[in-house]
Amino acid sequence: FPGMPEFPYGAYHGSELPFLLRYGTVRLTGEQQKLGDEM
């Protein structure tokens, strides 16, 4: 989500989406991509 204030969001609502689907310009790290592959 663009323009969000600083905050410890953790695994916030919708944060799993880029691990399953391509969403906008969001990019995953190498380890996150492995997690996405698992999901």
Full PDB file with SEQRES, HELIX, SHEET, SSBOND, CRYST1, ORIGX, SCALE, CONECT and MASTER records, all heavy atoms in Angstrom:
SEQRES   1 A   39  PHE PRO GLY MET PRO GLU PHE PRO TYR GLY ALA TYR HIS          
SEQRES   2 A   39  GLY SER GLU LEU PRO PHE LEU LEU ARG TYR GLY THR VAL          
SEQRES   3 A   39  ARG LEU THR GLY GLU GLN GLN LYS LEU GLY ASP GLU MET          
HELIX    1 AA1 LEU A   17  LEU A   20  1                                   4    
HELIX    2 AA2 GLY A   30  GLU A   38  1                                   9    
CRYST1    1.000    1.000    1.000  90.00  90.00  90.00 P 1           1          
ORIGX1      1.000000  0.000000  0.000000        0.00000                         
ORIGX2      0.000000  1.000000  0.000000        0.00000                         
ORIGX3      0.000000  0.000000  1.000000        0.00000                         
SCALE1      1.000000  0.000000  0.000000        0.00000                         
SCALE2      0.000000  1.000000  0.000000        0.00000                         
SCALE3      0.000000  0.000000  1.000000        0.00000                         
ATOM      1  N   PHE A   1       0.848  -1.190   0.000  1.00  0.00           N  
ATOM      2  CA  PHE A   1       0.000   0.000   0.000  1.00  0.00           C  
ATOM      3  C   PHE A   1       0.888   1.246   0.000  1.00  0.00           C  
ATOM      4  O   PHE A   1       1.735   1.410   0.882  1.00  0.00           O  
ATOM      5  CB  PHE A   1      -0.915   0.022   1.223  1.00  0.00           C  
ATOM      6  CG  PHE A   1      -1.814  -1.178   1.334  1.00  0.00           C  
ATOM      7  CD1 PHE A   1      -1.719  -2.032   2.423  1.00  0.00           C  
ATOM      8  CD2 PHE A   1      -2.734  -1.463   0.345  1.00  0.00           C  
ATOM      9  CE1 PHE A   1      -2.540  -3.147   2.533  1.00  0.00           C  
ATOM     10  CE2 PHE A   1      -3.566  -2.573   0.437  1.00  0.00           C  
ATOM     11  CZ  PHE A   1      -3.467  -3.412   1.538  1.00  0.00           C  
ATOM     12  N   PRO A   2       0.705   2.143  -0.958  1.00  0.00           N  
ATOM     13  CA  PRO A   2       1.582   3.322  -1.042  1.00  0.00           C  
ATOM     14  C   PRO A   2       1.279   4.348   0.046  1.00  0.00           C  
ATOM     15  O   PRO A   2       0.147   4.478   0.505  1.00  0.00           O  
ATOM     16  CB  PRO A   2       1.257   3.890  -2.429  1.00  0.00           C  
ATOM     17  CG  PRO A   2      -0.151   3.444  -2.704  1.00  0.00           C  
ATOM     18  CD  PRO A   2      -0.284   2.101  -2.055  1.00  0.00           C  
ATOM     19  N   GLY A   3       2.333   5.059   0.450  1.00  0.00           N  
ATOM     20  CA  GLY A   3       2.165   6.210   1.330  1.00  0.00           C  
ATOM     21  C   GLY A   3       1.816   5.895   2.769  1.00  0.00           C  
ATOM     22  O   GLY A   3       1.297   6.762   3.480  1.00  0.00           O  
ATOM     23  N   MET A   4       2.104   4.698   3.234  1.00  0.00           N  
ATOM     24  CA  MET A   4       1.761   4.350   4.608  1.00  0.00           C  
ATOM     25  C   MET A   4       2.772   4.969   5.585  1.00  0.00           C  
ATOM     26  O   MET A   4       3.960   5.048   5.291  1.00  0.00           O  
ATOM     27  CB  MET A   4       1.743   2.838   4.781  1.00  0.00           C  
ATOM     28  CG  MET A   4       0.638   2.139   4.000  1.00  0.00           C  
ATOM     29  SD  MET A   4      -1.018   2.671   4.491  1.00  0.00           S  
ATOM     30  CE  MET A   4      -1.076   2.090   6.184  1.00  0.00           C  
ATOM     31  N   PRO A   5       2.294   5.406   6.788  1.00  0.00           N  
ATOM     32  CA  PRO A   5       3.208   5.981   7.778  1.00  0.00           C  
ATOM     33  C   PRO A   5       4.124   4.911   8.372  1.00  0.00           C  
ATOM     34  O   PRO A   5       3.870   3.707   8.266  1.00  0.00           O  
ATOM     35  CB  PRO A   5       2.261   6.542   8.840  1.00  0.00           C  
ATOM     36  CG  PRO A   5       1.016   5.724   8.720  1.00  0.00           C  
ATOM     37  CD  PRO A   5       0.895   5.407   7.260  1.00  0.00           C  
ATOM     38  N   GLU A   6       5.179   5.358   9.000  1.00  0.00           N  
ATOM     39  CA  GLU A   6       6.115   4.436   9.657  1.00  0.00           C  
ATOM     40  C   GLU A   6       5.398   3.708  10.791  1.00  0.00           C  
ATOM     41  O   GLU A   6       4.718   4.329  11.619  1.00  0.00           O  
ATOM     42  CB  GLU A   6       7.303   5.235  10.213  1.00  0.00           C  
ATOM     43  CG  GLU A   6       8.491   4.395  10.595  1.00  0.00           C  
ATOM     44  CD  GLU A   6       9.226   3.835   9.380  1.00  0.00           C  
ATOM     45  OE1 GLU A   6       9.125   4.431   8.285  1.00  0.00           O  
ATOM     46  OE2 GLU A   6       9.888   2.794   9.535  1.00  0.00           O  
ATOM     47  N   PHE A   7       5.548   2.386  10.815  1.00  0.00           N  
ATOM     48  CA  PHE A   7       4.883   1.584  11.850  1.00  0.00           C  
ATOM     49  C   PHE A   7       5.395   0.160  11.731  1.00  0.00           C  
ATOM     50  O   PHE A   7       5.722  -0.299  10.632  1.00  0.00           O  
ATOM     51  CB  PHE A   7       3.349   1.607  11.650  1.00  0.00           C  
ATOM     52  CG  PHE A   7       2.558   1.053  12.808  1.00  0.00           C  
ATOM     53  CD1 PHE A   7       2.430   1.769  13.987  1.00  0.00           C  
ATOM     54  CD2 PHE A   7       1.941  -0.188  12.717  1.00  0.00           C  
ATOM     55  CE1 PHE A   7       1.704   1.256  15.062  1.00  0.00           C  
ATOM     56  CE2 PHE A   7       1.213  -0.711  13.784  1.00  0.00           C  
ATOM     57  CZ  PHE A   7       1.093   0.020  14.953  1.00  0.00           C  
ATOM     58  N   PRO A   8       5.461  -0.595  12.836  1.00  0.00           N  
ATOM     59  CA  PRO A   8       5.886  -2.004  12.756  1.00  0.00           C  
ATOM     60  C   PRO A   8       4.734  -2.884  12.274  1.00  0.00           C  
ATOM     61  O   PRO A   8       4.014  -3.494  13.057  1.00  0.00           O  
ATOM     62  CB  PRO A   8       6.291  -2.319  14.204  1.00  0.00           C  
ATOM     63  CG  PRO A   8       5.466  -1.406  15.040  1.00  0.00           C  
ATOM     64  CD  PRO A   8       5.325  -0.135  14.247  1.00  0.00           C  
ATOM     65  N   TYR A   9       4.579  -2.986  10.967  1.00  0.00           N  
ATOM     66  CA  TYR A   9       3.388  -3.631  10.392  1.00  0.00           C  
ATOM     67  C   TYR A   9       3.414  -5.146  10.524  1.00  0.00           C  
ATOM     68  O   TYR A   9       2.362  -5.785  10.599  1.00  0.00           O  
ATOM     69  CB  TYR A   9       3.258  -3.247   8.914  1.00  0.00           C  
ATOM     70  CG  TYR A   9       2.867  -1.806   8.716  1.00  0.00           C  
ATOM     71  CD1 TYR A   9       3.821  -0.851   8.379  1.00  0.00           C  
ATOM     72  CD2 TYR A   9       1.560  -1.394   8.890  1.00  0.00           C  
ATOM     73  CE1 TYR A   9       3.477   0.476   8.212  1.00  0.00           C  
ATOM     74  CE2 TYR A   9       1.193  -0.071   8.724  1.00  0.00           C  
ATOM     75  CZ  TYR A   9       2.150   0.864   8.380  1.00  0.00           C  
ATOM     76  OH  TYR A   9       1.804   2.176   8.224  1.00  0.00           O  
ATOM     77  N   GLY A  10       4.584  -5.760  10.500  1.00  0.00           N  
ATOM     78  CA  GLY A  10       4.627  -7.208  10.525  1.00  0.00           C  
ATOM     79  C   GLY A  10       3.911  -7.789   9.319  1.00  0.00           C  
ATOM     80  O   GLY A  10       3.925  -7.235   8.221  1.00  0.00           O  
ATOM     81  N   ALA A  11       3.268  -8.938   9.532  1.00  0.00           N  
ATOM     82  CA  ALA A  11       2.531  -9.605   8.452  1.00  0.00           C  
ATOM     83  C   ALA A  11       1.125  -9.014   8.389  1.00  0.00           C  
ATOM     84  O   ALA A  11       0.146  -9.601   8.839  1.00  0.00           O  
ATOM     85  CB  ALA A  11       2.484 -11.111   8.694  1.00  0.00           C  
ATOM     86  N   TYR A  12       1.026  -7.840   7.791  1.00  0.00           N  
ATOM     87  CA  TYR A  12      -0.215  -7.063   7.764  1.00  0.00           C  
ATOM     88  C   TYR A  12      -1.211  -7.638   6.750  1.00  0.00           C  
ATOM     89  O   TYR A  12      -0.894  -8.497   5.930  1.00  0.00           O  
ATOM     90  CB  TYR A  12       0.102  -5.604   7.424  1.00  0.00           C  
ATOM     91  CG  TYR A  12       0.771  -5.436   6.073  1.00  0.00           C  
ATOM     92  CD1 TYR A  12       0.008  -5.220   4.929  1.00  0.00           C  
ATOM     93  CD2 TYR A  12       2.152  -5.527   5.934  1.00  0.00           C  
ATOM     94  CE1 TYR A  12       0.614  -5.092   3.681  1.00  0.00           C  
ATOM     95  CE2 TYR A  12       2.760  -5.405   4.700  1.00  0.00           C  
ATOM     96  CZ  TYR A  12       1.986  -5.182   3.574  1.00  0.00           C  
ATOM     97  OH  TYR A  12       2.582  -5.068   2.342  1.00  0.00           O  
ATOM     98  N   HIS A  13      -2.430  -7.131   6.805  1.00  0.00           N  
ATOM     99  CA  HIS A  13      -3.508  -7.568   5.910  1.00  0.00           C  
ATOM    100  C   HIS A  13      -3.103  -7.387   4.449  1.00  0.00           C  
ATOM    101  O   HIS A  13      -2.744  -6.293   4.025  1.00  0.00           O  
ATOM    102  CB  HIS A  13      -4.766  -6.741   6.194  1.00  0.00           C  
ATOM    103  CG  HIS A  13      -5.954  -7.106   5.365  1.00  0.00           C  
ATOM    104  ND1 HIS A  13      -6.700  -8.237   5.614  1.00  0.00           N  
ATOM    105  CD2 HIS A  13      -6.543  -6.491   4.315  1.00  0.00           C  
ATOM    106  CE1 HIS A  13      -7.698  -8.298   4.745  1.00  0.00           C  
ATOM    107  NE2 HIS A  13      -7.622  -7.252   3.944  1.00  0.00           N  
ATOM    108  N   GLY A  14      -3.148  -8.456   3.688  1.00  0.00           N  
ATOM    109  CA  GLY A  14      -2.797  -8.411   2.277  1.00  0.00           C  
ATOM    110  C   GLY A  14      -1.340  -8.674   1.984  1.00  0.00           C  
ATOM    111  O   GLY A  14      -0.959  -8.773   0.814  1.00  0.00           O  
ATOM    112  N   SER A  15      -0.511  -8.816   3.019  1.00  0.00           N  
ATOM    113  CA  SER A  15       0.930  -8.928   2.770  1.00  0.00           C  
ATOM    114  C   SER A  15       1.327 -10.253   2.140  1.00  0.00           C  
ATOM    115  O   SER A  15       2.436 -10.384   1.610  1.00  0.00           O  
ATOM    116  CB  SER A  15       1.714  -8.704   4.070  1.00  0.00           C  
ATOM    117  OG  SER A  15       1.341  -9.639   5.071  1.00  0.00           O  
ATOM    118  N   GLU A  16       0.442 -11.237   2.171  1.00  0.00           N  
ATOM    119  CA  GLU A  16       0.764 -12.524   1.525  1.00  0.00           C  
ATOM    120  C   GLU A  16       0.583 -12.476   0.015  1.00  0.00           C  
ATOM    121  O   GLU A  16       1.076 -13.351  -0.711  1.00  0.00           O  
ATOM    122  CB  GLU A  16      -0.098 -13.642   2.126  1.00  0.00           C  
ATOM    123  CG  GLU A  16      -1.446 -13.877   1.481  1.00  0.00           C  
ATOM    124  CD  GLU A  16      -2.520 -12.848   1.859  1.00  0.00           C  
ATOM    125  OE1 GLU A  16      -2.182 -11.803   2.456  1.00  0.00           O  
ATOM    126  OE2 GLU A  16      -3.697 -13.087   1.546  1.00  0.00           O  
ATOM    127  N   LEU A  17      -0.117 -11.461  -0.499  1.00  0.00           N  
ATOM    128  CA  LEU A  17      -0.496 -11.461  -1.921  1.00  0.00           C  
ATOM    129  C   LEU A  17       0.704 -11.523  -2.867  1.00  0.00           C  
ATOM    130  O   LEU A  17       0.692 -12.314  -3.817  1.00  0.00           O  
ATOM    131  CB  LEU A  17      -1.371 -10.244  -2.223  1.00  0.00           C  
ATOM    132  CG  LEU A  17      -2.753 -10.259  -1.565  1.00  0.00           C  
ATOM    133  CD1 LEU A  17      -3.511  -8.976  -1.874  1.00  0.00           C  
ATOM    134  CD2 LEU A  17      -3.557 -11.473  -1.991  1.00  0.00           C  
ATOM    135  N   PRO A  18       1.776 -10.716  -2.676  1.00  0.00           N  
ATOM    136  CA  PRO A  18       2.900 -10.800  -3.618  1.00  0.00           C  
ATOM    137  C   PRO A  18       3.638 -12.134  -3.589  1.00  0.00           C  
ATOM    138  O   PRO A  18       4.427 -12.418  -4.493  1.00  0.00           O  
ATOM    139  CB  PRO A  18       3.831  -9.662  -3.164  1.00  0.00           C  
ATOM    140  CG  PRO A  18       3.005  -8.780  -2.299  1.00  0.00           C  
ATOM    141  CD  PRO A  18       1.997  -9.666  -1.666  1.00  0.00           C  
ATOM    142  N   PHE A  19       3.386 -12.943  -2.566  1.00  0.00           N  
ATOM    143  CA  PHE A  19       4.018 -14.250  -2.489  1.00  0.00           C  
ATOM    144  C   PHE A  19       3.265 -15.280  -3.332  1.00  0.00           C  
ATOM    145  O   PHE A  19       3.796 -16.355  -3.618  1.00  0.00           O  
ATOM    146  CB  PHE A  19       4.098 -14.711  -1.037  1.00  0.00           C  
ATOM    147  CG  PHE A  19       5.042 -13.884  -0.202  1.00  0.00           C  
ATOM    148  CD1 PHE A  19       4.678 -12.622   0.244  1.00  0.00           C  
ATOM    149  CD2 PHE A  19       6.300 -14.366   0.122  1.00  0.00           C  
ATOM    150  CE1 PHE A  19       5.550 -11.850   0.999  1.00  0.00           C  
ATOM    151  CE2 PHE A  19       7.179 -13.603   0.884  1.00  0.00           C  
ATOM    152  CZ  PHE A  19       6.803 -12.337   1.311  1.00  0.00           C  
ATOM    153  N   LEU A  20       2.059 -14.938  -3.732  1.00  0.00           N  
ATOM    154  CA  LEU A  20       1.237 -15.836  -4.542  1.00  0.00           C  
ATOM    155  C   LEU A  20       0.969 -15.289  -5.936  1.00  0.00           C  
ATOM    156  O   LEU A  20       0.835 -16.041  -6.898  1.00  0.00           O  
ATOM    157  CB  LEU A  20      -0.110 -16.072  -3.842  1.00  0.00           C  
ATOM    158  CG  LEU A  20      -0.068 -16.859  -2.545  1.00  0.00           C  
ATOM    159  CD1 LEU A  20      -1.368 -16.669  -1.775  1.00  0.00           C  
ATOM    160  CD2 LEU A  20       0.157 -18.343  -2.828  1.00  0.00           C  
ATOM    161  N   LEU A  21       0.865 -13.978  -6.040  1.00  0.00           N  
ATOM    162  CA  LEU A  21       0.450 -13.300  -7.260  1.00  0.00           C  
ATOM    163  C   LEU A  21       1.377 -12.125  -7.532  1.00  0.00           C  
ATOM    164  O   LEU A  21       1.938 -11.535  -6.608  1.00  0.00           O  
ATOM    165  CB  LEU A  21      -0.989 -12.786  -7.113  1.00  0.00           C  
ATOM    166  CG  LEU A  21      -2.052 -13.832  -6.779  1.00  0.00           C  
ATOM    167  CD1 LEU A  21      -3.215 -13.185  -6.059  1.00  0.00           C  
ATOM    168  CD2 LEU A  21      -2.547 -14.521  -8.049  1.00  0.00           C  
ATOM    169  N   ARG A  22       1.526 -11.758  -8.781  1.00  0.00           N  
ATOM    170  CA  ARG A  22       2.302 -10.564  -9.117  1.00  0.00           C  
ATOM    171  C   ARG A  22       1.411  -9.351  -8.861  1.00  0.00           C  
ATOM    172  O   ARG A  22       0.318  -9.237  -9.397  1.00  0.00           O  
ATOM    173  CB  ARG A  22       2.741 -10.631 -10.577  1.00  0.00           C  
ATOM    174  CG  ARG A  22       3.662  -9.502 -11.012  1.00  0.00           C  
ATOM    175  CD  ARG A  22       4.382  -9.843 -12.295  1.00  0.00           C  
ATOM    176  NE  ARG A  22       3.556 -10.611 -13.220  1.00  0.00           N  
ATOM    177  CZ  ARG A  22       2.641 -10.080 -14.027  1.00  0.00           C  
ATOM    178  NH1 ARG A  22       2.407  -8.794 -13.991  1.00  0.00           N  
ATOM    179  NH2 ARG A  22       1.949 -10.852 -14.856  1.00  0.00           N  
ATOM    180  N   TYR A  23       1.895  -8.433  -8.015  1.00  0.00           N  
ATOM    181  CA  TYR A  23       1.068  -7.311  -7.571  1.00  0.00           C  
ATOM    182  C   TYR A  23       1.831  -6.010  -7.747  1.00  0.00           C  
ATOM    183  O   TYR A  23       2.761  -5.707  -7.005  1.00  0.00           O  
ATOM    184  CB  TYR A  23       0.666  -7.492  -6.104  1.00  0.00           C  
ATOM    185  CG  TYR A  23      -0.403  -6.528  -5.636  1.00  0.00           C  
ATOM    186  CD1 TYR A  23      -1.739  -6.754  -5.940  1.00  0.00           C  
ATOM    187  CD2 TYR A  23      -0.073  -5.394  -4.910  1.00  0.00           C  
ATOM    188  CE1 TYR A  23      -2.720  -5.875  -5.523  1.00  0.00           C  
ATOM    189  CE2 TYR A  23      -1.047  -4.510  -4.487  1.00  0.00           C  
ATOM    190  CZ  TYR A  23      -2.376  -4.747  -4.793  1.00  0.00           C  
ATOM    191  OH  TYR A  23      -3.347  -3.864  -4.389  1.00  0.00           O  
ATOM    192  N   GLY A  24       1.441  -5.222  -8.740  1.00  0.00           N  
ATOM    193  CA  GLY A  24       2.082  -3.940  -8.996  1.00  0.00           C  
ATOM    194  C   GLY A  24       3.569  -4.094  -9.236  1.00  0.00           C  
ATOM    195  O   GLY A  24       4.028  -4.992  -9.934  1.00  0.00           O  
ATOM    196  N   THR A  25       4.355  -3.210  -8.625  1.00  0.00           N  
ATOM    197  CA  THR A  25       5.818  -3.239  -8.788  1.00  0.00           C  
ATOM    198  C   THR A  25       6.518  -3.872  -7.588  1.00  0.00           C  
ATOM    199  O   THR A  25       7.728  -3.763  -7.442  1.00  0.00           O  
ATOM    200  CB  THR A  25       6.349  -1.807  -8.977  1.00  0.00           C  
ATOM    201  OG1 THR A  25       5.992  -1.011  -7.836  1.00  0.00           O  
ATOM    202  CG2 THR A  25       5.752  -1.173 -10.237  1.00  0.00           C  
ATOM    203  N   VAL A  26       5.752  -4.529  -6.720  1.00  0.00           N  
ATOM    204  CA  VAL A  26       6.326  -5.131  -5.509  1.00  0.00           C  
ATOM    205  C   VAL A  26       7.283  -6.248  -5.899  1.00  0.00           C  
ATOM    206  O   VAL A  26       6.980  -7.077  -6.755  1.00  0.00           O  
ATOM    207  CB  VAL A  26       5.204  -5.677  -4.604  1.00  0.00           C  
ATOM    208  CG1 VAL A  26       5.793  -6.418  -3.414  1.00  0.00           C  
ATOM    209  CG2 VAL A  26       4.307  -4.540  -4.132  1.00  0.00           C  
ATOM    210  N   ARG A  27       8.447  -6.244  -5.271  1.00  0.00           N  
ATOM    211  CA  ARG A  27       9.446  -7.269  -5.528  1.00  0.00           C  
ATOM    212  C   ARG A  27       9.839  -7.965  -4.215  1.00  0.00           C  
ATOM    213  O   ARG A  27       9.900  -7.329  -3.162  1.00  0.00           O  
ATOM    214  CB  ARG A  27      10.698  -6.660  -6.183  1.00  0.00           C  
ATOM    215  CG  ARG A  27      10.427  -6.090  -7.569  1.00  0.00           C  
ATOM    216  CD  ARG A  27      10.115  -7.194  -8.568  1.00  0.00           C  
ATOM    217  NE  ARG A  27       9.820  -6.655  -9.888  1.00  0.00           N  
ATOM    218  CZ  ARG A  27       8.598  -6.409 -10.333  1.00  0.00           C  
ATOM    219  NH1 ARG A  27       7.560  -6.649  -9.551  1.00  0.00           N  
ATOM    220  NH2 ARG A  27       8.410  -5.933 -11.548  1.00  0.00           N  
ATOM    221  N   LEU A  28      10.123  -9.254  -4.308  1.00  0.00           N  
ATOM    222  CA  LEU A  28      10.525 -10.040  -3.153  1.00  0.00           C  
ATOM    223  C   LEU A  28      12.035 -10.239  -3.129  1.00  0.00           C  
ATOM    224  O   LEU A  28      12.684 -10.230  -4.178  1.00  0.00           O  
ATOM    225  CB  LEU A  28       9.853 -11.417  -3.195  1.00  0.00           C  
ATOM    226  CG  LEU A  28       8.321 -11.444  -3.310  1.00  0.00           C  
ATOM    227  CD1 LEU A  28       7.827 -12.893  -3.352  1.00  0.00           C  
ATOM    228  CD2 LEU A  28       7.661 -10.696  -2.163  1.00  0.00           C  
ATOM    229  N   THR A  29      12.578 -10.427  -1.920  1.00  0.00           N  
ATOM    230  CA  THR A  29      13.983 -10.820  -1.805  1.00  0.00           C  
ATOM    231  C   THR A  29      14.124 -12.281  -2.234  1.00  0.00           C  
ATOM    232  O   THR A  29      13.129 -12.992  -2.440  1.00  0.00           O  
ATOM    233  CB  THR A  29      14.462 -10.670  -0.360  1.00  0.00           C  
ATOM    234  OG1 THR A  29      13.767 -11.630   0.459  1.00  0.00           O  
ATOM    235  CG2 THR A  29      14.204  -9.270   0.178  1.00  0.00           C  
ATOM    236  N   GLY A  30      15.346 -12.742  -2.342  1.00  0.00           N  
ATOM    237  CA  GLY A  30      15.581 -14.130  -2.723  1.00  0.00           C  
ATOM    238  C   GLY A  30      14.923 -15.114  -1.776  1.00  0.00           C  
ATOM    239  O   GLY A  30      14.279 -16.086  -2.200  1.00  0.00           O  
ATOM    240  N   GLU A  31      15.072 -14.898  -0.465  1.00  0.00           N  
ATOM    241  CA  GLU A  31      14.459 -15.785   0.515  1.00  0.00           C  
ATOM    242  C   GLU A  31      12.940 -15.703   0.460  1.00  0.00           C  
ATOM    243  O   GLU A  31      12.238 -16.708   0.623  1.00  0.00           O  
ATOM    244  CB  GLU A  31      14.965 -15.455   1.922  1.00  0.00           C  
ATOM    245  CG  GLU A  31      16.406 -15.858   2.177  1.00  0.00           C  
ATOM    246  CD  GLU A  31      16.596 -17.360   1.998  1.00  0.00           C  
ATOM    247  OE1 GLU A  31      15.818 -18.139   2.598  1.00  0.00           O  
ATOM    248  OE2 GLU A  31      17.513 -17.753   1.253  1.00  0.00           O  
ATOM    249  N   GLN A  32      12.436 -14.497   0.249  1.00  0.00           N  
ATOM    250  CA  GLN A  32      10.984 -14.346   0.143  1.00  0.00           C  
ATOM    251  C   GLN A  32      10.442 -15.037  -1.105  1.00  0.00           C  
ATOM    252  O   GLN A  32       9.349 -15.607  -1.073  1.00  0.00           O  
ATOM    253  CB  GLN A  32      10.612 -12.864   0.149  1.00  0.00           C  
ATOM    254  CG  GLN A  32      10.799 -12.208   1.504  1.00  0.00           C  
ATOM    255  CD  GLN A  32      10.582 -10.710   1.463  1.00  0.00           C  
ATOM    256  OE1 GLN A  32      10.618 -10.088   0.393  1.00  0.00           O  
ATOM    257  NE2 GLN A  32      10.373 -10.105   2.616  1.00  0.00           N  
ATOM    258  N   GLN A  33      11.213 -15.013  -2.188  1.00  0.00           N  
ATOM    259  CA  GLN A  33      10.769 -15.698  -3.397  1.00  0.00           C  
ATOM    260  C   GLN A  33      10.694 -17.208  -3.161  1.00  0.00           C  
ATOM    261  O   GLN A  33       9.781 -17.883  -3.660  1.00  0.00           O  
ATOM    262  CB  GLN A  33      11.704 -15.395  -4.564  1.00  0.00           C  
ATOM    263  CG  GLN A  33      11.199 -15.918  -5.908  1.00  0.00           C  
ATOM    264  CD  GLN A  33       9.823 -15.381  -6.245  1.00  0.00           C  
ATOM    265  OE1 GLN A  33       9.631 -14.175  -6.422  1.00  0.00           O  
ATOM    266  NE2 GLN A  33       8.831 -16.265  -6.343  1.00  0.00           N  
ATOM    267  N   LYS A  34      11.640 -17.740  -2.388  1.00  0.00           N  
ATOM    268  CA  LYS A  34      11.571 -19.164  -2.035  1.00  0.00           C  
ATOM    269  C   LYS A  34      10.308 -19.458  -1.237  1.00  0.00           C  
ATOM    270  O   LYS A  34       9.651 -20.489  -1.434  1.00  0.00           O  
ATOM    271  CB  LYS A  34      12.802 -19.568  -1.229  1.00  0.00           C  
ATOM    272  CG  LYS A  34      14.104 -19.594  -2.028  1.00  0.00           C  
ATOM    273  CD  LYS A  34      15.270 -19.996  -1.133  1.00  0.00           C  
ATOM    274  CE  LYS A  34      16.590 -19.959  -1.888  1.00  0.00           C  
ATOM    275  NZ  LYS A  34      17.738 -20.279  -0.986  1.00  0.00           N  
ATOM    276  N   LEU A  35       9.966 -18.546  -0.316  1.00  0.00           N  
ATOM    277  CA  LEU A  35       8.734 -18.713   0.454  1.00  0.00           C  
ATOM    278  C   LEU A  35       7.521 -18.647  -0.473  1.00  0.00           C  
ATOM    279  O   LEU A  35       6.571 -19.432  -0.334  1.00  0.00           O  
ATOM    280  CB  LEU A  35       8.639 -17.645   1.538  1.00  0.00           C  
ATOM    281  CG  LEU A  35       7.354 -17.641   2.377  1.00  0.00           C  
ATOM    282  CD1 LEU A  35       7.205 -18.964   3.134  1.00  0.00           C  
ATOM    283  CD2 LEU A  35       7.343 -16.453   3.339  1.00  0.00           C  
ATOM    284  N   GLY A  36       7.565 -17.704  -1.431  1.00  0.00           N  
ATOM    285  CA  GLY A  36       6.483 -17.618  -2.399  1.00  0.00           C  
ATOM    286  C   GLY A  36       6.328 -18.904  -3.197  1.00  0.00           C  
ATOM    287  O   GLY A  36       5.209 -19.375  -3.433  1.00  0.00           O  
ATOM    288  N   ASP A  37       7.441 -19.479  -3.596  1.00  0.00           N  
ATOM    289  CA  ASP A  37       7.386 -20.750  -4.330  1.00  0.00           C  
ATOM    290  C   ASP A  37       6.736 -21.844  -3.482  1.00  0.00           C  
ATOM    291  O   ASP A  37       5.963 -22.667  -3.989  1.00  0.00           O  
ATOM    292  CB  ASP A  37       8.790 -21.185  -4.738  1.00  0.00           C  
ATOM    293  CG  ASP A  37       9.429 -20.258  -5.769  1.00  0.00           C  
ATOM    294  OD1 ASP A  37       8.688 -19.482  -6.416  1.00  0.00           O  
ATOM    295  OD2 ASP A  37      10.667 -20.305  -5.911  1.00  0.00           O  
ATOM    296  N   GLU A  38       7.061 -21.829  -2.189  1.00  0.00           N  
ATOM    297  CA  GLU A  38       6.468 -22.826  -1.289  1.00  0.00           C  
ATOM    298  C   GLU A  38       4.950 -22.639  -1.193  1.00  0.00           C  
ATOM    299  O   GLU A  38       4.179 -23.613  -1.248  1.00  0.00           O  
ATOM    300  CB  GLU A  38       7.098 -22.712   0.102  1.00  0.00           C  
ATOM    301  CG  GLU A  38       6.545 -23.702   1.120  1.00  0.00           C  
ATOM    302  CD  GLU A  38       7.082 -23.466   2.524  1.00  0.00           C  
ATOM    303  OE1 GLU A  38       8.031 -22.667   2.685  1.00  0.00           O  
ATOM    304  OE2 GLU A  38       6.531 -24.079   3.463  1.00  0.00           O  
ATOM    305  N   MET A  39       4.516 -21.374  -1.076  1.00  0.00           N  
ATOM    306  CA  MET A  39       3.087 -21.104  -0.969  1.00  0.00           C  
ATOM    307  C   MET A  39       2.367 -21.419  -2.273  1.00  0.00           C  
ATOM    308  O   MET A  39       1.286 -22.025  -2.264  1.00  0.00           O  
ATOM    309  CB  MET A  39       2.870 -19.649  -0.557  1.00  0.00           C  
ATOM    310  CG  MET A  39       3.374 -19.334   0.845  1.00  0.00           C  
ATOM    311  SD  MET A  39       3.167 -17.600   1.302  1.00  0.00           S  
ATOM    312  CE  MET A  39       1.368 -17.469   1.368  1.00  0.00           C  
TER     313      MET A  39                                                      
MASTER        0    0    0    2    0    0    0    6  312    1    0    3          
END                                                                             
